N, C-alpha and C. Protein backbone atom coordinates (compact mmCIF):
# COMPACT_ATOMS: atom_id res chain seq x y z
N MET A 1 -5.29 -5.37 64.11
CA MET A 1 -4.88 -5.43 62.73
C MET A 1 -5.98 -6.02 61.87
N GLY A 2 -6.25 -5.37 60.77
CA GLY A 2 -7.28 -5.87 59.88
C GLY A 2 -6.70 -6.90 58.92
N HIS A 3 -7.53 -7.77 58.51
CA HIS A 3 -7.12 -8.80 57.57
C HIS A 3 -7.40 -8.31 56.15
N ILE A 4 -6.41 -8.40 55.27
CA ILE A 4 -6.57 -7.98 53.88
C ILE A 4 -6.75 -9.22 53.03
N ASN A 5 -7.85 -9.26 52.29
CA ASN A 5 -8.05 -10.45 51.46
C ASN A 5 -7.22 -10.37 50.19
N SER A 6 -7.16 -11.45 49.46
CA SER A 6 -6.26 -11.53 48.31
C SER A 6 -6.67 -10.58 47.19
N SER A 7 -7.96 -10.31 47.01
CA SER A 7 -8.36 -9.40 45.94
C SER A 7 -7.92 -7.97 46.23
N GLU A 8 -7.92 -7.58 47.50
CA GLU A 8 -7.43 -6.24 47.85
C GLU A 8 -5.93 -6.15 47.64
N THR A 9 -5.21 -7.22 47.93
CA THR A 9 -3.76 -7.24 47.71
C THR A 9 -3.46 -7.13 46.23
N GLN A 10 -4.21 -7.84 45.39
CA GLN A 10 -3.99 -7.78 43.96
C GLN A 10 -4.25 -6.36 43.44
N LYS A 11 -5.32 -5.74 43.92
CA LYS A 11 -5.61 -4.37 43.49
C LYS A 11 -4.52 -3.41 43.92
N ALA A 12 -3.99 -3.59 45.11
CA ALA A 12 -2.96 -2.70 45.63
C ALA A 12 -1.66 -2.83 44.87
N HIS A 13 -1.43 -4.00 44.29
CA HIS A 13 -0.15 -4.25 43.61
C HIS A 13 -0.32 -4.30 42.10
N MET A 14 -1.34 -3.65 41.58
CA MET A 14 -1.54 -3.64 40.15
C MET A 14 -0.36 -2.93 39.49
N THR A 15 0.19 -3.55 38.49
CA THR A 15 1.35 -2.98 37.81
C THR A 15 0.94 -1.87 36.86
N GLU A 16 1.90 -1.10 36.44
CA GLU A 16 1.66 -0.04 35.46
C GLU A 16 1.16 -0.63 34.15
N GLN A 17 1.70 -1.80 33.78
CA GLN A 17 1.28 -2.44 32.55
C GLN A 17 -0.20 -2.80 32.61
N GLU A 18 -0.64 -3.35 33.73
CA GLU A 18 -2.04 -3.71 33.86
C GLU A 18 -2.90 -2.46 33.86
N SER A 19 -2.43 -1.41 34.49
CA SER A 19 -3.17 -0.15 34.52
C SER A 19 -3.33 0.40 33.11
N ASP A 20 -2.26 0.34 32.31
CA ASP A 20 -2.33 0.81 30.94
C ASP A 20 -3.36 0.04 30.14
N SER A 21 -3.35 -1.30 30.30
CA SER A 21 -4.28 -2.09 29.51
C SER A 21 -5.72 -1.84 29.93
N ARG A 22 -5.97 -1.56 31.19
CA ARG A 22 -7.34 -1.29 31.64
C ARG A 22 -7.79 0.11 31.26
N SER A 23 -6.85 1.02 31.07
CA SER A 23 -7.22 2.40 30.74
C SER A 23 -7.29 2.64 29.24
N GLY A 24 -7.23 1.59 28.45
CA GLY A 24 -7.35 1.75 27.01
C GLY A 24 -6.02 1.78 26.30
N GLY A 25 -4.90 1.79 27.02
CA GLY A 25 -3.58 1.75 26.41
C GLY A 25 -3.26 0.34 25.95
N PRO A 26 -2.11 0.16 25.29
CA PRO A 26 -1.77 -1.17 24.81
C PRO A 26 -1.48 -2.11 25.98
N ASP A 27 -1.88 -3.36 25.82
CA ASP A 27 -1.61 -4.37 26.84
C ASP A 27 -0.20 -4.89 26.61
N LEU A 28 0.72 -4.51 27.49
CA LEU A 28 2.12 -4.85 27.30
C LEU A 28 2.41 -6.32 27.57
N ARG A 29 1.40 -7.06 28.03
CA ARG A 29 1.58 -8.50 28.23
C ARG A 29 1.02 -9.29 27.06
N HIS A 30 0.49 -8.63 26.08
CA HIS A 30 -0.15 -9.27 24.94
C HIS A 30 0.86 -10.13 24.18
N PRO A 31 0.49 -11.32 23.72
CA PRO A 31 1.44 -12.18 23.02
C PRO A 31 1.96 -11.59 21.71
N TRP A 32 1.21 -10.71 21.09
CA TRP A 32 1.65 -10.09 19.84
C TRP A 32 2.65 -8.96 20.07
N ARG A 33 2.85 -8.58 21.31
CA ARG A 33 3.75 -7.46 21.60
C ARG A 33 5.12 -7.67 20.98
N TRP A 34 5.64 -8.88 21.08
CA TRP A 34 6.99 -9.15 20.54
C TRP A 34 7.00 -9.06 19.02
N ALA A 35 5.92 -9.44 18.38
CA ALA A 35 5.83 -9.31 16.93
C ALA A 35 5.82 -7.83 16.54
N TYR A 36 5.03 -7.04 17.27
CA TYR A 36 5.01 -5.59 16.98
C TYR A 36 6.39 -4.98 17.19
N LEU A 37 7.06 -5.37 18.26
CA LEU A 37 8.40 -4.84 18.52
C LEU A 37 9.37 -5.26 17.41
N GLY A 38 9.28 -6.50 16.97
CA GLY A 38 10.14 -6.97 15.88
C GLY A 38 9.92 -6.19 14.60
N VAL A 39 8.65 -6.00 14.26
CA VAL A 39 8.32 -5.21 13.06
C VAL A 39 8.81 -3.78 13.23
N GLY A 40 8.61 -3.21 14.41
CA GLY A 40 9.04 -1.83 14.66
C GLY A 40 10.54 -1.66 14.54
N TYR A 41 11.29 -2.57 15.15
CA TYR A 41 12.76 -2.48 15.06
C TYR A 41 13.25 -2.72 13.64
N ALA A 42 12.66 -3.68 12.94
CA ALA A 42 13.07 -3.93 11.55
C ALA A 42 12.79 -2.71 10.67
N ALA A 43 11.60 -2.14 10.82
CA ALA A 43 11.25 -0.96 10.03
C ALA A 43 12.15 0.22 10.38
N LEU A 44 12.45 0.38 11.66
CA LEU A 44 13.33 1.47 12.07
C LEU A 44 14.73 1.29 11.48
N GLY A 45 15.22 0.05 11.47
CA GLY A 45 16.52 -0.22 10.86
C GLY A 45 16.53 0.10 9.38
N LEU A 46 15.46 -0.27 8.67
CA LEU A 46 15.38 0.04 7.25
C LEU A 46 15.25 1.55 7.02
N ALA A 47 14.53 2.23 7.90
CA ALA A 47 14.42 3.69 7.78
C ALA A 47 15.78 4.35 7.98
N ALA A 48 16.53 3.87 8.97
CA ALA A 48 17.86 4.43 9.22
C ALA A 48 18.78 4.17 8.03
N ALA A 49 18.67 2.99 7.44
CA ALA A 49 19.47 2.71 6.25
C ALA A 49 19.05 3.60 5.09
N GLY A 50 17.74 3.90 5.01
CA GLY A 50 17.24 4.77 3.95
C GLY A 50 17.76 6.19 4.02
N VAL A 51 18.22 6.60 5.20
CA VAL A 51 18.79 7.94 5.33
C VAL A 51 20.07 8.06 4.51
N VAL A 52 20.84 6.97 4.43
CA VAL A 52 22.14 7.03 3.73
C VAL A 52 22.12 6.33 2.38
N LEU A 53 21.15 5.46 2.13
CA LEU A 53 21.07 4.77 0.84
C LEU A 53 20.04 5.46 -0.04
N PRO A 54 20.46 5.94 -1.20
CA PRO A 54 19.58 6.79 -2.00
C PRO A 54 18.31 6.11 -2.52
N LEU A 55 18.31 4.84 -2.81
CA LEU A 55 17.12 4.21 -3.38
C LEU A 55 16.21 3.56 -2.34
N LEU A 56 16.60 3.59 -1.07
CA LEU A 56 15.78 3.00 -0.02
C LEU A 56 14.99 4.12 0.66
N PRO A 57 13.65 4.04 0.62
CA PRO A 57 12.85 5.12 1.21
C PRO A 57 12.90 5.09 2.73
N THR A 58 12.85 6.24 3.33
CA THR A 58 12.88 6.35 4.79
C THR A 58 11.47 6.47 5.37
N THR A 59 10.68 7.34 4.81
CA THR A 59 9.38 7.69 5.40
C THR A 59 8.42 6.51 5.56
N PRO A 60 8.22 5.66 4.54
CA PRO A 60 7.28 4.55 4.75
C PRO A 60 7.70 3.62 5.89
N PHE A 61 9.00 3.40 6.02
CA PHE A 61 9.49 2.55 7.10
C PHE A 61 9.30 3.22 8.45
N LEU A 62 9.46 4.54 8.49
CA LEU A 62 9.20 5.27 9.75
C LEU A 62 7.73 5.16 10.15
N LEU A 63 6.85 5.26 9.18
CA LEU A 63 5.42 5.15 9.47
C LEU A 63 5.08 3.75 10.00
N VAL A 64 5.69 2.74 9.41
CA VAL A 64 5.45 1.37 9.89
C VAL A 64 6.01 1.21 11.30
N ALA A 65 7.21 1.75 11.55
CA ALA A 65 7.81 1.66 12.89
C ALA A 65 6.94 2.37 13.92
N ALA A 66 6.43 3.55 13.59
CA ALA A 66 5.58 4.28 14.54
C ALA A 66 4.30 3.50 14.83
N TRP A 67 3.71 2.90 13.80
CA TRP A 67 2.50 2.09 13.99
C TRP A 67 2.80 0.89 14.89
N ALA A 68 3.87 0.19 14.59
CA ALA A 68 4.20 -1.02 15.36
C ALA A 68 4.56 -0.68 16.80
N PHE A 69 5.34 0.38 17.01
CA PHE A 69 5.70 0.77 18.37
C PHE A 69 4.47 1.25 19.15
N ALA A 70 3.51 1.86 18.47
CA ALA A 70 2.27 2.27 19.15
C ALA A 70 1.52 1.05 19.68
N LYS A 71 1.63 -0.06 18.98
CA LYS A 71 0.97 -1.30 19.41
C LYS A 71 1.79 -2.06 20.45
N GLY A 72 3.13 -1.98 20.35
CA GLY A 72 3.97 -2.83 21.19
C GLY A 72 4.72 -2.15 22.31
N SER A 73 4.99 -0.84 22.18
CA SER A 73 5.76 -0.16 23.21
C SER A 73 5.50 1.35 23.16
N PRO A 74 4.65 1.85 24.03
CA PRO A 74 4.41 3.30 24.06
C PRO A 74 5.69 4.10 24.32
N ARG A 75 6.62 3.53 25.06
CA ARG A 75 7.88 4.21 25.34
C ARG A 75 8.68 4.40 24.04
N LEU A 76 8.77 3.36 23.21
CA LEU A 76 9.50 3.48 21.95
C LEU A 76 8.76 4.38 20.96
N GLU A 77 7.44 4.34 20.99
CA GLU A 77 6.68 5.25 20.13
C GLU A 77 6.98 6.71 20.50
N ALA A 78 6.98 7.01 21.80
CA ALA A 78 7.27 8.37 22.26
C ALA A 78 8.69 8.77 21.89
N TRP A 79 9.63 7.83 22.02
CA TRP A 79 11.03 8.12 21.65
C TRP A 79 11.12 8.47 20.16
N LEU A 80 10.41 7.71 19.34
CA LEU A 80 10.46 7.94 17.90
C LEU A 80 9.88 9.30 17.54
N TYR A 81 8.79 9.68 18.17
CA TYR A 81 8.19 10.99 17.89
C TYR A 81 9.03 12.15 18.43
N ARG A 82 9.84 11.89 19.44
CA ARG A 82 10.74 12.94 19.97
C ARG A 82 12.10 12.96 19.29
N HIS A 83 12.37 11.98 18.44
CA HIS A 83 13.68 11.88 17.79
C HIS A 83 13.94 13.13 16.94
N PRO A 84 15.15 13.72 17.05
CA PRO A 84 15.40 14.97 16.31
C PRO A 84 15.37 14.80 14.79
N ARG A 85 15.72 13.65 14.29
CA ARG A 85 15.76 13.44 12.83
C ARG A 85 14.42 12.93 12.30
N PHE A 86 13.85 11.95 12.98
CA PHE A 86 12.65 11.29 12.47
C PHE A 86 11.35 11.91 12.98
N GLY A 87 11.37 12.47 14.17
CA GLY A 87 10.17 12.99 14.80
C GLY A 87 9.39 14.00 13.98
N PRO A 88 10.05 15.01 13.41
CA PRO A 88 9.30 16.02 12.65
C PRO A 88 8.51 15.43 11.47
N PHE A 89 9.08 14.45 10.77
CA PHE A 89 8.37 13.82 9.66
C PHE A 89 7.12 13.10 10.16
N LEU A 90 7.28 12.37 11.25
CA LEU A 90 6.15 11.61 11.80
C LEU A 90 5.06 12.53 12.32
N ILE A 91 5.45 13.59 12.97
CA ILE A 91 4.46 14.54 13.50
C ILE A 91 3.72 15.22 12.35
N ASP A 92 4.45 15.62 11.30
CA ASP A 92 3.79 16.22 10.13
C ASP A 92 2.78 15.27 9.52
N TRP A 93 3.14 14.00 9.41
CA TRP A 93 2.22 13.03 8.83
C TRP A 93 1.03 12.78 9.75
N ARG A 94 1.30 12.58 11.03
CA ARG A 94 0.22 12.29 11.99
C ARG A 94 -0.78 13.45 12.07
N ASP A 95 -0.28 14.67 12.13
CA ASP A 95 -1.15 15.83 12.37
C ASP A 95 -1.80 16.38 11.11
N ARG A 96 -1.07 16.36 9.98
CA ARG A 96 -1.58 17.01 8.77
C ARG A 96 -1.50 16.15 7.51
N ARG A 97 -1.01 14.91 7.66
CA ARG A 97 -0.78 14.05 6.49
C ARG A 97 0.11 14.76 5.48
N ALA A 98 1.10 15.51 5.99
CA ALA A 98 1.98 16.32 5.15
C ALA A 98 3.30 15.58 4.88
N ILE A 99 3.82 15.78 3.68
CA ILE A 99 5.10 15.19 3.26
C ILE A 99 6.01 16.33 2.80
N PRO A 100 7.25 16.38 3.32
CA PRO A 100 8.18 17.45 2.89
C PRO A 100 8.48 17.38 1.39
N ARG A 101 8.78 18.52 0.81
CA ARG A 101 9.05 18.64 -0.61
C ARG A 101 10.18 17.71 -1.06
N ARG A 102 11.26 17.66 -0.27
CA ARG A 102 12.39 16.79 -0.64
C ARG A 102 12.00 15.32 -0.60
N ALA A 103 11.18 14.93 0.34
CA ALA A 103 10.73 13.54 0.42
C ALA A 103 9.83 13.20 -0.77
N LYS A 104 8.99 14.15 -1.19
CA LYS A 104 8.16 13.93 -2.37
C LYS A 104 9.03 13.73 -3.60
N ALA A 105 10.01 14.61 -3.77
CA ALA A 105 10.90 14.51 -4.93
C ALA A 105 11.67 13.20 -4.91
N ALA A 106 12.16 12.80 -3.75
CA ALA A 106 12.90 11.54 -3.65
C ALA A 106 12.01 10.35 -3.96
N ALA A 107 10.77 10.39 -3.48
CA ALA A 107 9.85 9.28 -3.74
C ALA A 107 9.54 9.15 -5.23
N VAL A 108 9.25 10.27 -5.86
CA VAL A 108 8.92 10.24 -7.29
C VAL A 108 10.15 9.83 -8.10
N ALA A 109 11.31 10.34 -7.75
CA ALA A 109 12.54 9.97 -8.47
C ALA A 109 12.84 8.47 -8.27
N GLY A 110 12.66 7.99 -7.06
CA GLY A 110 12.89 6.57 -6.79
C GLY A 110 11.94 5.68 -7.58
N MET A 111 10.68 6.09 -7.66
CA MET A 111 9.72 5.30 -8.45
C MET A 111 10.05 5.36 -9.93
N ALA A 112 10.47 6.52 -10.42
CA ALA A 112 10.83 6.63 -11.83
C ALA A 112 12.04 5.75 -12.15
N GLY A 113 13.03 5.78 -11.27
CA GLY A 113 14.20 4.93 -11.46
C GLY A 113 13.85 3.45 -11.40
N SER A 114 12.99 3.10 -10.47
CA SER A 114 12.55 1.70 -10.36
C SER A 114 11.79 1.27 -11.60
N TRP A 115 10.95 2.16 -12.12
CA TRP A 115 10.20 1.82 -13.31
C TRP A 115 11.14 1.60 -14.50
N CYS A 116 12.19 2.42 -14.59
CA CYS A 116 13.17 2.24 -15.67
C CYS A 116 13.84 0.86 -15.58
N LEU A 117 14.17 0.44 -14.38
CA LEU A 117 14.76 -0.89 -14.21
C LEU A 117 13.77 -1.99 -14.59
N VAL A 118 12.52 -1.83 -14.20
CA VAL A 118 11.49 -2.81 -14.55
C VAL A 118 11.31 -2.86 -16.06
N ALA A 119 11.22 -1.69 -16.69
CA ALA A 119 11.01 -1.63 -18.14
C ALA A 119 12.20 -2.25 -18.89
N TYR A 120 13.39 -2.03 -18.38
CA TYR A 120 14.59 -2.57 -19.02
C TYR A 120 14.67 -4.08 -18.87
N GLY A 121 14.30 -4.58 -17.71
CA GLY A 121 14.47 -6.00 -17.42
C GLY A 121 13.27 -6.87 -17.71
N ALA A 122 12.16 -6.29 -18.05
CA ALA A 122 10.94 -7.08 -18.24
C ALA A 122 10.96 -7.80 -19.57
N GLU A 123 10.48 -9.04 -19.54
CA GLU A 123 10.39 -9.81 -20.78
C GLU A 123 9.08 -9.54 -21.51
N ARG A 124 8.06 -9.16 -20.76
CA ARG A 124 6.75 -8.89 -21.34
C ARG A 124 6.41 -7.41 -21.17
N PRO A 125 5.78 -6.81 -22.14
CA PRO A 125 5.43 -5.39 -22.02
C PRO A 125 4.37 -5.09 -20.96
N THR A 126 3.60 -6.10 -20.57
CA THR A 126 2.54 -5.84 -19.59
C THR A 126 3.10 -5.52 -18.21
N VAL A 127 4.26 -6.08 -17.88
CA VAL A 127 4.84 -5.84 -16.56
C VAL A 127 5.17 -4.36 -16.35
N PRO A 128 5.91 -3.72 -17.28
CA PRO A 128 6.17 -2.29 -17.07
C PRO A 128 4.90 -1.43 -17.12
N VAL A 129 3.91 -1.84 -17.89
CA VAL A 129 2.66 -1.07 -17.95
C VAL A 129 1.96 -1.12 -16.60
N ILE A 130 1.83 -2.32 -16.04
CA ILE A 130 1.17 -2.46 -14.74
C ILE A 130 1.96 -1.73 -13.66
N ALA A 131 3.29 -1.94 -13.65
CA ALA A 131 4.13 -1.26 -12.66
C ALA A 131 4.04 0.25 -12.82
N GLY A 132 4.01 0.72 -14.06
CA GLY A 132 3.92 2.15 -14.32
C GLY A 132 2.61 2.75 -13.83
N VAL A 133 1.51 2.04 -14.02
CA VAL A 133 0.21 2.52 -13.58
C VAL A 133 0.18 2.60 -12.05
N VAL A 134 0.67 1.56 -11.39
CA VAL A 134 0.68 1.55 -9.92
C VAL A 134 1.59 2.65 -9.39
N MET A 135 2.79 2.77 -9.96
CA MET A 135 3.73 3.80 -9.49
C MET A 135 3.20 5.20 -9.77
N ALA A 136 2.54 5.39 -10.90
CA ALA A 136 1.96 6.71 -11.20
C ALA A 136 0.87 7.06 -10.20
N ALA A 137 0.05 6.08 -9.82
CA ALA A 137 -0.99 6.34 -8.82
C ALA A 137 -0.38 6.70 -7.47
N VAL A 138 0.66 5.98 -7.07
CA VAL A 138 1.33 6.28 -5.80
C VAL A 138 2.00 7.65 -5.87
N ALA A 139 2.65 7.95 -6.99
CA ALA A 139 3.30 9.25 -7.15
C ALA A 139 2.28 10.39 -7.10
N LEU A 140 1.13 10.18 -7.71
CA LEU A 140 0.07 11.19 -7.67
C LEU A 140 -0.40 11.41 -6.23
N TYR A 141 -0.56 10.33 -5.49
CA TYR A 141 -0.95 10.45 -4.09
C TYR A 141 0.10 11.23 -3.30
N VAL A 142 1.36 10.90 -3.50
CA VAL A 142 2.45 11.55 -2.75
C VAL A 142 2.51 13.04 -3.05
N VAL A 143 2.48 13.40 -4.32
CA VAL A 143 2.64 14.83 -4.65
C VAL A 143 1.42 15.66 -4.30
N THR A 144 0.27 15.04 -4.11
CA THR A 144 -0.92 15.81 -3.74
C THR A 144 -1.08 15.96 -2.22
N ARG A 145 -0.21 15.36 -1.43
CA ARG A 145 -0.25 15.57 0.02
C ARG A 145 0.24 16.98 0.32
N PRO A 146 -0.23 17.57 1.41
CA PRO A 146 0.25 18.91 1.77
C PRO A 146 1.75 18.89 2.08
N THR A 147 2.36 20.04 1.95
CA THR A 147 3.77 20.22 2.31
C THR A 147 3.81 20.91 3.67
N PRO A 148 4.65 20.43 4.60
CA PRO A 148 4.73 21.08 5.93
C PRO A 148 5.10 22.55 5.81
N GLU A 149 4.61 23.34 6.75
CA GLU A 149 4.88 24.78 6.73
C GLU A 149 6.32 25.12 7.04
N ARG A 150 6.94 24.38 7.95
CA ARG A 150 8.31 24.74 8.33
C ARG A 150 9.29 24.20 7.27
N SER A 151 10.33 24.95 7.03
CA SER A 151 11.29 24.57 6.01
C SER A 151 12.38 23.66 6.55
N SER A 152 12.47 23.46 7.86
CA SER A 152 13.53 22.64 8.44
C SER A 152 13.37 21.17 8.06
N ALA A 153 12.14 20.71 7.80
CA ALA A 153 11.90 19.31 7.46
C ALA A 153 12.11 19.06 5.97
N GLU A 154 12.37 20.11 5.22
CA GLU A 154 12.56 19.93 3.78
C GLU A 154 14.01 19.76 3.53
């Protein structure tokens, strides 16, 4: 019988997590992993709420969840991209930086409604002007993104 030293035993019992971290994947033992998971779950919860609440956006929260899960859990990232409701939006954004027509309209309408609330409630005229300039820039960015080819995501 041959004697196996401790370094050979460690190599033989390398976990999948260690293999992932050595191959360039996320290190699942990293101390920030729990923070990424927390951010991912919070963003996913807000995205799910945005599906039913008209003034809460879904897409930005989905993008944050996908980013956080990519850092903290490849399994959850894969689940999110395969999700029947959320996956197509994420894939369109990842592959083509495309935003569906309905999402563009909802984003612009939400910003316009928000600006009306700011303009109504502001004590100083500079607040609505600054908010309007920022929202107009974001709206311009959103509407100039490509629209996905398939109509199912619209």
